[in-house]
All heavy atoms as atom14 arrays in JSON, in Angstrom:
{
  "sequence": "DWRWPCADGDYCKFIGYGSRPYYNSLATTTTGEELFKNSFYY",
  "atom14_mask": [
    [1, 1, 1, 1, 1, 1, 1, 1, 0, 0, 0, 0, 0, 0],
    [1, 1, 1, 1, 1, 1, 1, 1, 1, 1, 1, 1, 1, 1],
    [1, 1, 1, 1, 1, 1, 1, 1, 1, 1, 1, 0, 0, 0],
    [1, 1, 1, 1, 1, 1, 1, 1, 1, 1, 1, 1, 1, 1],
    [1, 1, 1, 1, 1, 1, 1, 0, 0, 0, 0, 0, 0, 0],
    [1, 1, 1, 1, 1, 1, 0, 0, 0, 0, 0, 0, 0, 0],
    [1, 1, 1, 1, 1, 0, 0, 0, 0, 0, 0, 0, 0, 0],
    [1, 1, 1, 1, 1, 1, 1, 1, 0, 0, 0, 0, 0, 0],
    [1, 1, 1, 1, 0, 0, 0, 0, 0, 0, 0, 0, 0, 0],
    [1, 1, 1, 1, 1, 1, 1, 1, 0, 0, 0, 0, 0, 0],
    [1, 1, 1, 1, 1, 1, 1, 1, 1, 1, 1, 1, 0, 0],
    [1, 1, 1, 1, 1, 1, 0, 0, 0, 0, 0, 0, 0, 0],
    [1, 1, 1, 1, 1, 1, 1, 1, 1, 0, 0, 0, 0, 0],
    [1, 1, 1, 1, 1, 1, 1, 1, 1, 1, 1, 0, 0, 0],
    [1, 1, 1, 1, 1, 1, 1, 1, 0, 0, 0, 0, 0, 0],
    [1, 1, 1, 1, 0, 0, 0, 0, 0, 0, 0, 0, 0, 0],
    [1, 1, 1, 1, 1, 1, 1, 1, 1, 1, 1, 1, 0, 0],
    [1, 1, 1, 1, 0, 0, 0, 0, 0, 0, 0, 0, 0, 0],
    [1, 1, 1, 1, 1, 1, 0, 0, 0, 0, 0, 0, 0, 0],
    [1, 1, 1, 1, 1, 1, 1, 1, 1, 1, 1, 0, 0, 0],
    [1, 1, 1, 1, 1, 1, 1, 0, 0, 0, 0, 0, 0, 0],
    [1, 1, 1, 1, 1, 1, 1, 1, 1, 1, 1, 1, 0, 0],
    [1, 1, 1, 1, 1, 1, 1, 1, 1, 1, 1, 1, 0, 0],
    [1, 1, 1, 1, 1, 1, 1, 1, 0, 0, 0, 0, 0, 0],
    [1, 1, 1, 1, 1, 1, 0, 0, 0, 0, 0, 0, 0, 0],
    [1, 1, 1, 1, 1, 1, 1, 1, 0, 0, 0, 0, 0, 0],
    [1, 1, 1, 1, 1, 0, 0, 0, 0, 0, 0, 0, 0, 0],
    [1, 1, 1, 1, 1, 1, 1, 0, 0, 0, 0, 0, 0, 0],
    [1, 1, 1, 1, 1, 1, 1, 0, 0, 0, 0, 0, 0, 0],
    [1, 1, 1, 1, 1, 1, 1, 0, 0, 0, 0, 0, 0, 0],
    [1, 1, 1, 1, 1, 1, 1, 0, 0, 0, 0, 0, 0, 0],
    [1, 1, 1, 1, 0, 0, 0, 0, 0, 0, 0, 0, 0, 0],
    [1, 1, 1, 1, 1, 1, 1, 1, 1, 0, 0, 0, 0, 0],
    [1, 1, 1, 1, 1, 1, 1, 1, 1, 0, 0, 0, 0, 0],
    [1, 1, 1, 1, 1, 1, 1, 1, 0, 0, 0, 0, 0, 0],
    [1, 1, 1, 1, 1, 1, 1, 1, 1, 1, 1, 0, 0, 0],
    [1, 1, 1, 1, 1, 1, 1, 1, 1, 0, 0, 0, 0, 0],
    [1, 1, 1, 1, 1, 1, 1, 1, 0, 0, 0, 0, 0, 0],
    [1, 1, 1, 1, 1, 1, 0, 0, 0, 0, 0, 0, 0, 0],
    [1, 1, 1, 1, 1, 1, 1, 1, 1, 1, 1, 0, 0, 0],
    [1, 1, 1, 1, 1, 1, 1, 1, 1, 1, 1, 1, 0, 0],
    [1, 1, 1, 1, 1, 1, 1, 1, 1, 1, 1, 1, 0, 0]
  ],
  "atom14_positions": [
    [[-16.57, -8.02, 2.36], [-16.2, -7.86, 3.78], [-14.8, -8.42, 4.0], [-14.49, -9.54, 3.58], [-17.19, -8.6, 4.67], [-18.59, -8.0, 4.62], [-18.69, -6.78, 4.39], [-19.56, -8.75, 4.8], [0.0, 0.0, 0.0], [0.0, 0.0, 0.0], [0.0, 0.0, 0.0], [0.0, 0.0, 0.0], [0.0, 0.0, 0.0], [0.0, 0.0, 0.0]],
    [[-13.94, -7.66, 4.65], [-12.62, -8.14, 5.02], [-12.14, -7.38, 6.25], [-12.71, -6.36, 6.62], [-11.61, -8.01, 3.87], [-11.74, -6.79, 2.99], [-12.37, -6.71, 1.79], [-11.23, -5.46, 3.24], [-12.28, -5.44, 1.28], [-11.59, -4.65, 2.13], [-10.5, -4.88, 4.28], [-11.25, -3.3, 2.05], [-10.16, -3.54, 4.21], [-10.53, -2.77, 3.1]],
    [[-11.11, -7.91, 6.87], [-10.62, -7.32, 8.12], [-9.64, -6.17, 7.86], [-8.84, -6.23, 6.95], [-9.95, -8.4, 8.99], [-10.91, -9.5, 9.4], [-10.26, -10.45, 10.39], [-11.11, -11.61, 10.64], [-12.14, -11.61, 11.49], [-12.44, -10.5, 12.15], [-12.86, -12.7, 11.67], [0.0, 0.0, 0.0], [0.0, 0.0, 0.0], [0.0, 0.0, 0.0]],
    [[-9.75, -5.15, 8.7], [-8.88, -3.97, 8.58], [-7.44, -4.39, 8.85], [-7.14, -5.03, 9.85], [-9.32, -2.92, 9.59], [-8.82, -1.54, 9.32], [-7.6, -1.03, 9.63], [-9.56, -0.45, 8.72], [-7.51, 0.3, 9.26], [-8.71, 0.67, 8.7], [-10.85, -0.33, 8.21], [-9.1, 1.91, 8.18], [-11.25, 0.89, 7.69], [-10.39, 2.0, 7.67]],
    [[-6.5, -4.02, 7.96], [-5.13, -4.52, 8.08], [-4.31, -3.81, 9.15], [-4.63, -2.7, 9.58], [-4.55, -4.24, 6.69], [-5.3, -3.02, 6.22], [-6.69, -3.19, 6.75], [0.0, 0.0, 0.0], [0.0, 0.0, 0.0], [0.0, 0.0, 0.0], [0.0, 0.0, 0.0], [0.0, 0.0, 0.0], [0.0, 0.0, 0.0], [0.0, 0.0, 0.0]],
    [[-3.25, -4.49, 9.56], [-2.32, -3.9, 10.52], [-0.89, -4.08, 10.04], [-0.6, -4.94, 9.21], [-2.51, -4.5, 11.91], [-2.67, -6.29, 11.95], [0.0, 0.0, 0.0], [0.0, 0.0, 0.0], [0.0, 0.0, 0.0], [0.0, 0.0, 0.0], [0.0, 0.0, 0.0], [0.0, 0.0, 0.0], [0.0, 0.0, 0.0], [0.0, 0.0, 0.0]],
    [[-0.01, -3.25, 10.57], [1.41, -3.31, 10.26], [2.18, -2.69, 11.42], [1.7, -1.75, 12.06], [1.72, -2.54, 8.97], [0.0, 0.0, 0.0], [0.0, 0.0, 0.0], [0.0, 0.0, 0.0], [0.0, 0.0, 0.0], [0.0, 0.0, 0.0], [0.0, 0.0, 0.0], [0.0, 0.0, 0.0], [0.0, 0.0, 0.0], [0.0, 0.0, 0.0]],
    [[3.33, -3.24, 11.71], [4.19, -2.7, 12.77], [3.49, -2.65, 14.13], [3.7, -1.74, 14.93], [4.7, -1.3, 12.4], [5.43, -1.28, 11.07], [6.3, -2.16, 10.87], [5.13, -0.4, 10.23], [0.0, 0.0, 0.0], [0.0, 0.0, 0.0], [0.0, 0.0, 0.0], [0.0, 0.0, 0.0], [0.0, 0.0, 0.0], [0.0, 0.0, 0.0]],
    [[2.61, -3.62, 14.38], [1.97, -3.71, 15.68], [0.86, -2.72, 15.93], [0.53, -2.41, 17.07], [0.0, 0.0, 0.0], [0.0, 0.0, 0.0], [0.0, 0.0, 0.0], [0.0, 0.0, 0.0], [0.0, 0.0, 0.0], [0.0, 0.0, 0.0], [0.0, 0.0, 0.0], [0.0, 0.0, 0.0], [0.0, 0.0, 0.0], [0.0, 0.0, 0.0]],
    [[0.24, -2.23, 14.85], [-0.87, -1.3, 15.0], [-1.75, -1.38, 13.75], [-1.3, -1.86, 12.7], [-0.37, 0.13, 15.18], [-1.24, 0.94, 16.12], [-2.44, 0.61, 16.27], [-0.72, 1.92, 16.7], [0.0, 0.0, 0.0], [0.0, 0.0, 0.0], [0.0, 0.0, 0.0], [0.0, 0.0, 0.0], [0.0, 0.0, 0.0], [0.0, 0.0, 0.0]],
    [[-2.97, -0.91, 13.88], [-3.84, -0.87, 12.71], [-3.4, 0.26, 11.78], [-2.97, 1.33, 12.23], [-5.3, -0.67, 13.14], [-5.88, -1.93, 13.75], [-6.16, -1.99, 15.11], [-6.11, -3.06, 12.98], [-6.68, -3.14, 15.68], [-6.62, -4.22, 13.54], [-6.9, -4.26, 14.89], [-7.4, -5.4, 15.45], [0.0, 0.0, 0.0], [0.0, 0.0, 0.0]],
    [[-3.51, 0.01, 10.5], [-3.06, 0.98, 9.49], [-4.08, 2.09, 9.28], [-5.22, 2.02, 9.76], [-2.82, 0.27, 8.16], [-1.53, -0.97, 8.19], [0.0, 0.0, 0.0], [0.0, 0.0, 0.0], [0.0, 0.0, 0.0], [0.0, 0.0, 0.0], [0.0, 0.0, 0.0], [0.0, 0.0, 0.0], [0.0, 0.0, 0.0], [0.0, 0.0, 0.0]],
    [[-3.66, 3.08, 8.53], [-4.53, 4.19, 8.15], [-4.89, 4.06, 6.67], [-4.0, 3.92, 5.82], [-3.81, 5.53, 8.39], [-4.65, 6.77, 8.1], [-3.88, 8.02, 8.52], [-4.78, 9.24, 8.52], [-4.12, 10.41, 9.14], [0.0, 0.0, 0.0], [0.0, 0.0, 0.0], [0.0, 0.0, 0.0], [0.0, 0.0, 0.0], [0.0, 0.0, 0.0]],
    [[-6.18, 4.11, 6.37], [-6.6, 4.13, 4.97], [-6.25, 5.49, 4.38], [-6.62, 6.52, 4.92], [-8.1, 3.87, 4.86], [-8.63, 4.02, 3.46], [-8.35, 3.07, 2.5], [-9.37, 5.13, 3.09], [-8.82, 3.21, 1.19], [-9.84, 5.29, 1.81], [-9.57, 4.32, 0.85], [0.0, 0.0, 0.0], [0.0, 0.0, 0.0], [0.0, 0.0, 0.0]],
    [[-5.53, 5.46, 3.23], [-5.07, 6.74, 2.67], [-5.58, 6.99, 1.25], [-5.37, 8.08, 0.71], [-3.54, 6.84, 2.68], [-2.88, 5.71, 1.89], [-3.02, 6.87, 4.12], [-1.37, 5.87, 1.7], [0.0, 0.0, 0.0], [0.0, 0.0, 0.0], [0.0, 0.0, 0.0], [0.0, 0.0, 0.0], [0.0, 0.0, 0.0], [0.0, 0.0, 0.0]],
    [[-6.26, 6.02, 0.63], [-6.8, 6.29, -0.7], [-7.01, 5.03, -1.51], [-6.72, 3.91, -1.06], [0.0, 0.0, 0.0], [0.0, 0.0, 0.0], [0.0, 0.0, 0.0], [0.0, 0.0, 0.0], [0.0, 0.0, 0.0], [0.0, 0.0, 0.0], [0.0, 0.0, 0.0], [0.0, 0.0, 0.0], [0.0, 0.0, 0.0], [0.0, 0.0, 0.0]],
    [[-7.53, 5.23, -2.72], [-7.77, 4.12, -3.65], [-6.59, 3.99, -4.6], [-6.07, 4.99, -5.11], [-9.05, 4.38, -4.45], [-10.29, 4.5, -3.61], [-10.88, 5.75, -3.38], [-10.89, 3.39, -3.04], [-12.02, 5.87, -2.6], [-12.03, 3.5, -2.26], [-12.59, 4.75, -2.05], [-13.72, 4.87, -1.28], [0.0, 0.0, 0.0], [0.0, 0.0, 0.0]],
    [[-6.19, 2.75, -4.84], [-5.02, 2.5, -5.65], [-5.22, 2.76, -7.13], [-6.29, 2.51, -7.68], [0.0, 0.0, 0.0], [0.0, 0.0, 0.0], [0.0, 0.0, 0.0], [0.0, 0.0, 0.0], [0.0, 0.0, 0.0], [0.0, 0.0, 0.0], [0.0, 0.0, 0.0], [0.0, 0.0, 0.0], [0.0, 0.0, 0.0], [0.0, 0.0, 0.0]],
    [[-4.17, 3.28, -7.77], [-4.11, 3.47, -9.21], [-2.63, 3.54, -9.57], [-1.78, 3.71, -8.69], [-4.8, 4.77, -9.63], [-4.11, 5.9, -9.09], [0.0, 0.0, 0.0], [0.0, 0.0, 0.0], [0.0, 0.0, 0.0], [0.0, 0.0, 0.0], [0.0, 0.0, 0.0], [0.0, 0.0, 0.0], [0.0, 0.0, 0.0], [0.0, 0.0, 0.0]],
    [[-2.32, 3.42, -10.85], [-0.9, 3.52, -11.24], [-0.28, 4.86, -10.82], [0.81, 4.88, -10.24], [-0.76, 3.32, -12.75], [-0.85, 1.87, -13.16], [-0.09, 1.64, -14.45], [-0.32, 0.31, -14.94], [0.37, -0.25, -15.93], [1.33, 0.45, -16.52], [0.1, -1.48, -16.33], [0.0, 0.0, 0.0], [0.0, 0.0, 0.0], [0.0, 0.0, 0.0]],
    [[-0.97, 5.98, -11.08], [-0.37, 7.25, -10.64], [-0.18, 7.33, -9.13], [0.81, 7.9, -8.66], [-1.39, 8.3, -11.12], [-2.13, 7.64, -12.24], [-2.2, 6.19, -11.88], [0.0, 0.0, 0.0], [0.0, 0.0, 0.0], [0.0, 0.0, 0.0], [0.0, 0.0, 0.0], [0.0, 0.0, 0.0], [0.0, 0.0, 0.0], [0.0, 0.0, 0.0]],
    [[-1.11, 6.74, -8.38], [-1.01, 6.83, -6.92], [0.17, 6.01, -6.4], [0.96, 6.5, -5.57], [-2.31, 6.38, -6.28], [-2.41, 6.74, -4.81], [-2.05, 8.0, -4.36], [-2.87, 5.83, -3.88], [-2.13, 8.34, -3.02], [-2.97, 6.16, -2.53], [-2.6, 7.41, -2.11], [-2.69, 7.75, -0.78], [0.0, 0.0, 0.0], [0.0, 0.0, 0.0]],
    [[0.32, 4.8, -6.88], [1.47, 3.99, -6.43], [2.79, 4.63, -6.88], [3.76, 4.61, -6.13], [1.36, 2.56, -6.95], [0.36, 1.73, -6.19], [-0.88, 1.42, -6.73], [0.65, 1.25, -4.91], [-1.81, 0.67, -6.02], [-0.27, 0.5, -4.19], [-1.51, 0.22, -4.76], [-2.42, -0.52, -4.04], [0.0, 0.0, 0.0], [0.0, 0.0, 0.0]],
    [[2.8, 5.22, -8.06], [4.02, 5.89, -8.52], [4.36, 7.07, -7.61], [5.54, 7.33, -7.33], [3.85, 6.36, -9.96], [3.89, 5.22, -10.96], [4.46, 4.16, -10.69], [3.27, 5.42, -12.12], [0.0, 0.0, 0.0], [0.0, 0.0, 0.0], [0.0, 0.0, 0.0], [0.0, 0.0, 0.0], [0.0, 0.0, 0.0], [0.0, 0.0, 0.0]],
    [[3.34, 7.77, -7.13], [3.58, 8.92, -6.26], [4.05, 8.49, -4.87], [4.76, 9.23, -4.19], [2.32, 9.78, -6.14], [1.33, 9.13, -5.34], [0.0, 0.0, 0.0], [0.0, 0.0, 0.0], [0.0, 0.0, 0.0], [0.0, 0.0, 0.0], [0.0, 0.0, 0.0], [0.0, 0.0, 0.0], [0.0, 0.0, 0.0], [0.0, 0.0, 0.0]],
    [[3.62, 7.29, -4.44], [3.99, 6.8, -3.11], [5.39, 6.18, -3.1], [6.02, 6.08, -2.04], [2.98, 5.75, -2.63], [1.57, 6.24, -2.29], [0.65, 5.05, -2.04], [1.58, 7.16, -1.08], [0.0, 0.0, 0.0], [0.0, 0.0, 0.0], [0.0, 0.0, 0.0], [0.0, 0.0, 0.0], [0.0, 0.0, 0.0], [0.0, 0.0, 0.0]],
    [[5.86, 5.76, -4.26], [7.14, 5.06, -4.34], [8.3, 6.04, -4.19], [8.45, 6.96, -4.99], [7.24, 4.33, -5.68], [0.0, 0.0, 0.0], [0.0, 0.0, 0.0], [0.0, 0.0, 0.0], [0.0, 0.0, 0.0], [0.0, 0.0, 0.0], [0.0, 0.0, 0.0], [0.0, 0.0, 0.0], [0.0, 0.0, 0.0], [0.0, 0.0, 0.0]],
    [[9.09, 5.84, -3.15], [10.23, 6.73, -2.9], [11.57, 6.03, -3.14], [12.53, 6.66, -3.59], [10.19, 7.26, -1.46], [10.12, 6.14, -0.56], [8.98, 8.17, -1.25], [0.0, 0.0, 0.0], [0.0, 0.0, 0.0], [0.0, 0.0, 0.0], [0.0, 0.0, 0.0], [0.0, 0.0, 0.0], [0.0, 0.0, 0.0], [0.0, 0.0, 0.0]],
    [[11.64, 4.74, -2.84], [12.9, 4.02, -2.98], [12.82, 2.92, -4.04], [13.8, 2.21, -4.25], [13.32, 3.39, -1.64], [12.29, 2.49, -1.21], [13.51, 4.47, -0.59], [0.0, 0.0, 0.0], [0.0, 0.0, 0.0], [0.0, 0.0, 0.0], [0.0, 0.0, 0.0], [0.0, 0.0, 0.0], [0.0, 0.0, 0.0], [0.0, 0.0, 0.0]],
    [[11.68, 2.79, -4.69], [11.49, 1.76, -5.71], [10.51, 2.28, -6.74], [10.12, 3.44, -6.7], [10.99, 0.46, -5.06], [10.89, -0.56, -6.06], [9.61, 0.66, -4.42], [0.0, 0.0, 0.0], [0.0, 0.0, 0.0], [0.0, 0.0, 0.0], [0.0, 0.0, 0.0], [0.0, 0.0, 0.0], [0.0, 0.0, 0.0], [0.0, 0.0, 0.0]],
    [[10.09, 1.44, -7.68], [9.1, 1.86, -8.67], [7.69, 1.67, -8.12], [7.47, 0.92, -7.17], [9.24, 1.03, -9.96], [8.94, -0.35, -9.65], [10.64, 1.13, -10.53], [0.0, 0.0, 0.0], [0.0, 0.0, 0.0], [0.0, 0.0, 0.0], [0.0, 0.0, 0.0], [0.0, 0.0, 0.0], [0.0, 0.0, 0.0], [0.0, 0.0, 0.0]],
    [[6.74, 2.34, -8.74], [5.35, 2.15, -8.35], [4.91, 0.7, -8.5], [4.16, 0.17, -7.68], [0.0, 0.0, 0.0], [0.0, 0.0, 0.0], [0.0, 0.0, 0.0], [0.0, 0.0, 0.0], [0.0, 0.0, 0.0], [0.0, 0.0, 0.0], [0.0, 0.0, 0.0], [0.0, 0.0, 0.0], [0.0, 0.0, 0.0], [0.0, 0.0, 0.0]],
    [[5.39, 0.06, -9.56], [5.03, -1.34, -9.81], [5.56, -2.24, -8.7], [4.85, -3.12, -8.2], [5.58, -1.79, -11.16], [5.24, -3.23, -11.5], [5.72, -3.66, -12.88], [6.35, -2.83, -13.57], [5.47, -4.81, -13.26], [0.0, 0.0, 0.0], [0.0, 0.0, 0.0], [0.0, 0.0, 0.0], [0.0, 0.0, 0.0], [0.0, 0.0, 0.0]],
    [[6.8, -2.03, -8.3], [7.37, -2.85, -7.23], [6.66, -2.6, -5.9], [6.4, -3.53, -5.13], [8.87, -2.57, -7.09], [9.72, -3.2, -8.17], [9.58, -4.71, -8.23], [9.69, -5.36, -7.17], [9.33, -5.24, -9.34], [0.0, 0.0, 0.0], [0.0, 0.0, 0.0], [0.0, 0.0, 0.0], [0.0, 0.0, 0.0], [0.0, 0.0, 0.0]],
    [[6.35, -1.35, -5.63], [5.63, -1.01, -4.41], [4.28, -1.72, -4.4], [3.9, -2.33, -3.39], [5.42, 0.5, -4.31], [4.56, 0.97, -3.13], [5.2, 0.61, -1.81], [4.32, 2.48, -3.21], [0.0, 0.0, 0.0], [0.0, 0.0, 0.0], [0.0, 0.0, 0.0], [0.0, 0.0, 0.0], [0.0, 0.0, 0.0], [0.0, 0.0, 0.0]],
    [[3.56, -1.65, -5.51], [2.27, -2.31, -5.63], [2.4, -3.81, -5.35], [1.67, -4.38, -4.52], [1.72, -2.09, -7.04], [0.46, -2.85, -7.36], [-0.77, -2.44, -6.87], [0.51, -3.98, -8.17], [-1.94, -3.14, -7.17], [-0.65, -4.68, -8.48], [-1.87, -4.27, -7.98], [0.0, 0.0, 0.0], [0.0, 0.0, 0.0], [0.0, 0.0, 0.0]],
    [[3.35, -4.44, -5.99], [3.49, -5.9, -5.88], [3.92, -6.34, -4.48], [3.55, -7.43, -4.03], [4.48, -6.4, -6.93], [3.96, -6.28, -8.36], [4.96, -6.75, -9.39], [4.38, -6.67, -10.79], [5.35, -7.14, -11.82], [0.0, 0.0, 0.0], [0.0, 0.0, 0.0], [0.0, 0.0, 0.0], [0.0, 0.0, 0.0], [0.0, 0.0, 0.0]],
    [[4.69, -5.5, -3.81], [5.17, -5.86, -2.48], [4.2, -5.46, -1.36], [4.44, -5.8, -0.19], [6.53, -5.19, -2.21], [7.62, -5.76, -3.09], [7.59, -6.93, -3.46], [8.61, -4.94, -3.42], [0.0, 0.0, 0.0], [0.0, 0.0, 0.0], [0.0, 0.0, 0.0], [0.0, 0.0, 0.0], [0.0, 0.0, 0.0], [0.0, 0.0, 0.0]],
    [[3.14, -4.75, -1.71], [2.27, -4.18, -0.68], [1.07, -5.05, -0.33], [0.34, -4.74, 0.61], [1.77, -2.8, -1.13], [0.86, -2.91, -2.21], [0.0, 0.0, 0.0], [0.0, 0.0, 0.0], [0.0, 0.0, 0.0], [0.0, 0.0, 0.0], [0.0, 0.0, 0.0], [0.0, 0.0, 0.0], [0.0, 0.0, 0.0], [0.0, 0.0, 0.0]],
    [[0.86, -6.13, -1.07], [-0.35, -6.92, -0.83], [-0.35, -7.51, 0.58], [0.67, -8.03, 1.06], [-0.47, -8.03, -1.87], [-1.16, -7.58, -3.13], [-0.65, -6.51, -3.88], [-2.32, -8.19, -3.57], [-1.28, -6.07, -5.02], [-2.96, -7.75, -4.73], [-2.45, -6.69, -5.45], [0.0, 0.0, 0.0], [0.0, 0.0, 0.0], [0.0, 0.0, 0.0]],
    [[-1.5, -7.44, 1.22], [-1.65, -7.94, 2.59], [-1.36, -9.44, 2.61], [-1.61, -10.15, 1.63], [-3.05, -7.63, 3.1], [-3.18, -7.62, 4.6], [-2.19, -7.06, 5.41], [-4.32, -8.13, 5.23], [-2.32, -7.03, 6.79], [-4.47, -8.1, 6.61], [-3.46, -7.55, 7.38], [-3.58, -7.52, 8.75], [0.0, 0.0, 0.0], [0.0, 0.0, 0.0]],
    [[-0.87, -9.92, 3.74], [-0.36, -11.29, 3.84], [-1.37, -12.34, 3.37], [-0.99, -13.36, 2.79], [0.06, -11.58, 5.28], [-1.11, -11.76, 6.24], [-1.61, -13.02, 6.53], [-1.72, -10.66, 6.85], [-2.69, -13.19, 7.4], [-2.78, -10.82, 7.71], [-3.27, -12.08, 7.98], [-4.34, -12.24, 8.83], [0.0, 0.0, 0.0], [0.0, 0.0, 0.0]]
  ]
}
């Protein structure tokens, strides 16, 4: 059990389960690895 996260003053949208290919596909300005590491909730 955990609380639904928020960002930018609103609740976020769940978009999928994480994997290396998924983070790589989401990364536009950095690597998938960097995106993963920087994305952890506070």
